[in-house]
Amino acid sequence: MKVFAGIFVIAVLAAFSGPKTLKGTWRYAGGIYNGKKEGAPAGYTLRRNYSDTTFEAFVIDKGSKPEKFESGYYFLKSDTCIETETFSKQPSKLTGRPVAYHYEVRKDSLILSGTLPTGMIIEEYWKRVK
């Protein structure tokens, strides 16, 4: 009986431990930056493609090819997503610096929140595309 109870507890904990990866394509849906709410940009789309361990971010203008502006790697630990940017098209203070975000996946939404090394407090919303 104790063995069954132990297996049941492990199964329940595994069911609620959250995703092991963010794999898929996500579209930026807006965010809150230092308390100021911003919607998704008009006229272009921001997308992130996650593999099991890496990410690439693209800006997509209507009628143009997607343009990569950022990439790096990440890993999930409990409710934390640790990202390290390895490429940025623009000068960035984040390149090579691990940044820890609290993450939550709710149905088709990814919520990333935390404080950047610059001190900016962010909360971003991403919708699953694929």
Protein backbone atom coordinates (compact mmCIF):
# COMPACT_ATOMS: atom_id res chain seq x y z
CA MET A 1 0.00 0.00 0.00
CA LYS A 2 2.84 2.41 0.82
CA VAL A 3 4.43 1.75 -2.58
CA PHE A 4 1.15 2.58 -4.34
CA ALA A 5 0.78 5.80 -2.32
CA GLY A 6 4.36 6.80 -3.19
CA ILE A 7 3.80 6.16 -6.91
CA PHE A 8 0.54 8.15 -6.78
CA VAL A 9 2.27 11.14 -5.13
CA ILE A 10 5.06 11.09 -7.73
CA ALA A 11 2.51 10.91 -10.57
CA VAL A 12 0.53 13.86 -9.15
CA LEU A 13 3.67 15.97 -8.70
CA ALA A 14 4.83 15.16 -12.24
CA ALA A 15 1.45 16.16 -13.65
CA PHE A 16 1.71 19.61 -12.06
CA SER A 17 5.41 20.26 -12.54
CA GLY A 18 4.83 22.28 -15.72
CA PRO A 19 6.37 21.98 -19.15
CA LYS A 20 9.97 20.88 -19.56
CA THR A 21 10.39 23.04 -22.67
CA LEU A 22 8.84 26.07 -24.37
CA LYS A 23 9.21 24.40 -27.77
CA GLY A 24 7.09 26.02 -30.45
CA THR A 25 6.41 29.39 -32.05
CA TRP A 26 5.10 32.28 -29.95
CA ARG A 27 3.75 35.69 -31.07
CA TYR A 28 4.23 38.76 -28.87
CA ALA A 29 0.88 39.96 -27.52
CA GLY A 30 1.94 42.91 -25.34
CA GLY A 31 3.47 43.55 -21.98
CA ILE A 32 4.00 45.76 -18.97
CA TYR A 33 7.31 47.61 -18.66
CA ASN A 34 8.08 49.45 -15.40
CA GLY A 35 4.34 49.57 -14.75
CA LYS A 36 3.43 50.92 -18.20
CA LYS A 37 1.18 48.68 -20.27
CA GLU A 38 1.99 48.26 -23.97
CA GLY A 39 0.05 46.39 -26.63
CA ALA A 40 1.45 44.38 -29.49
CA PRO A 41 2.99 46.59 -32.18
CA ALA A 42 0.86 47.63 -35.15
CA GLY A 43 2.20 46.98 -38.63
CA TYR A 44 4.62 44.19 -37.71
CA THR A 45 4.78 41.03 -35.61
CA LEU A 46 7.35 39.81 -33.11
CA ARG A 47 7.84 36.05 -32.93
CA ARG A 48 9.99 33.72 -30.91
CA ASN A 49 10.82 30.20 -32.02
CA TYR A 50 11.84 27.92 -29.16
CA SER A 51 13.51 24.53 -29.58
CA ASP A 52 14.17 22.32 -26.57
CA THR A 53 17.16 24.47 -25.56
CA THR A 54 17.44 27.52 -27.86
CA PHE A 55 15.37 30.47 -29.04
CA GLU A 56 15.37 32.82 -32.01
CA ALA A 57 13.41 36.07 -32.16
CA PHE A 58 12.17 37.61 -35.41
CA VAL A 59 10.47 40.79 -36.51
CA ILE A 60 8.04 40.22 -39.37
CA ASP A 61 6.89 43.15 -41.49
CA LYS A 62 3.98 42.52 -43.84
CA GLY A 63 5.30 41.63 -47.27
CA SER A 64 8.86 41.04 -46.03
CA LYS A 65 10.88 38.05 -44.93
CA PRO A 66 11.27 37.49 -41.17
CA GLU A 67 14.38 39.24 -39.84
CA LYS A 68 16.21 37.67 -36.91
CA PHE A 69 17.06 40.19 -34.22
CA GLU A 70 17.96 37.99 -31.25
CA SER A 71 18.89 34.42 -30.36
CA GLY A 72 20.28 32.42 -27.49
CA TYR A 73 19.66 29.47 -25.26
CA TYR A 74 17.45 28.81 -22.27
CA PHE A 75 16.56 26.23 -19.67
CA LEU A 76 13.64 25.79 -17.33
CA LYS A 77 14.07 25.18 -13.63
CA SER A 78 10.87 24.90 -11.59
CA ASP A 79 8.96 28.14 -12.38
CA THR A 80 12.04 29.95 -13.71
CA CYS A 81 13.20 30.35 -17.31
CA ILE A 82 16.86 31.30 -17.54
CA GLU A 83 17.74 32.84 -20.91
CA THR A 84 21.16 33.77 -22.20
CA GLU A 85 21.20 35.94 -25.29
CA THR A 86 24.06 35.00 -27.63
CA PHE A 87 23.16 37.26 -30.57
CA SER A 88 21.47 40.65 -30.82
CA LYS A 89 21.15 42.67 -34.01
CA GLN A 90 21.24 45.84 -31.91
CA PRO A 91 23.71 46.73 -29.16
CA SER A 92 22.53 44.93 -26.03
CA LYS A 93 23.55 44.84 -22.37
CA LEU A 94 22.00 41.36 -22.15
CA THR A 95 24.34 39.49 -24.52
CA GLY A 96 26.15 36.75 -22.64
CA ARG A 97 24.33 37.50 -19.37
CA PRO A 98 21.88 34.92 -17.99
CA VAL A 99 18.54 36.51 -17.16
CA ALA A 100 16.06 34.70 -14.91
CA TYR A 101 12.36 35.16 -15.61
CA HIS A 102 9.41 33.74 -13.77
CA TYR A 103 7.43 31.91 -16.44
CA GLU A 104 3.94 30.53 -16.62
CA VAL A 105 2.19 28.71 -19.45
CA ARG A 106 -1.61 29.08 -19.38
CA LYS A 107 -3.32 27.20 -22.21
CA ASP A 108 -1.90 28.95 -25.31
CA SER A 109 -0.20 31.83 -23.45
CA LEU A 110 3.34 32.23 -22.16
CA ILE A 111 3.94 34.86 -19.49
CA LEU A 112 7.50 35.95 -18.74
CA SER A 113 8.14 38.33 -15.85
CA GLY A 114 11.17 39.57 -14.02
CA THR A 115 13.74 42.31 -13.63
CA LEU A 116 16.32 42.87 -16.35
CA PRO A 117 19.95 43.63 -15.45
CA THR A 118 19.19 47.24 -16.46
CA GLY A 119 16.63 47.42 -13.62
CA MET A 120 13.57 47.40 -15.90
CA ILE A 121 10.67 45.36 -14.49
CA ILE A 122 8.89 43.45 -17.23
CA GLU A 123 5.91 41.21 -17.78
CA GLU A 124 5.51 39.94 -21.35
CA TYR A 125 2.64 38.01 -22.92
CA TRP A 126 3.21 35.61 -25.82
CA LYS A 127 0.54 33.57 -27.68
CA ARG A 128 1.34 30.13 -29.08
CA VAL A 129 1.28 30.04 -32.88
CA LYS A 130 2.47 26.44 -33.39
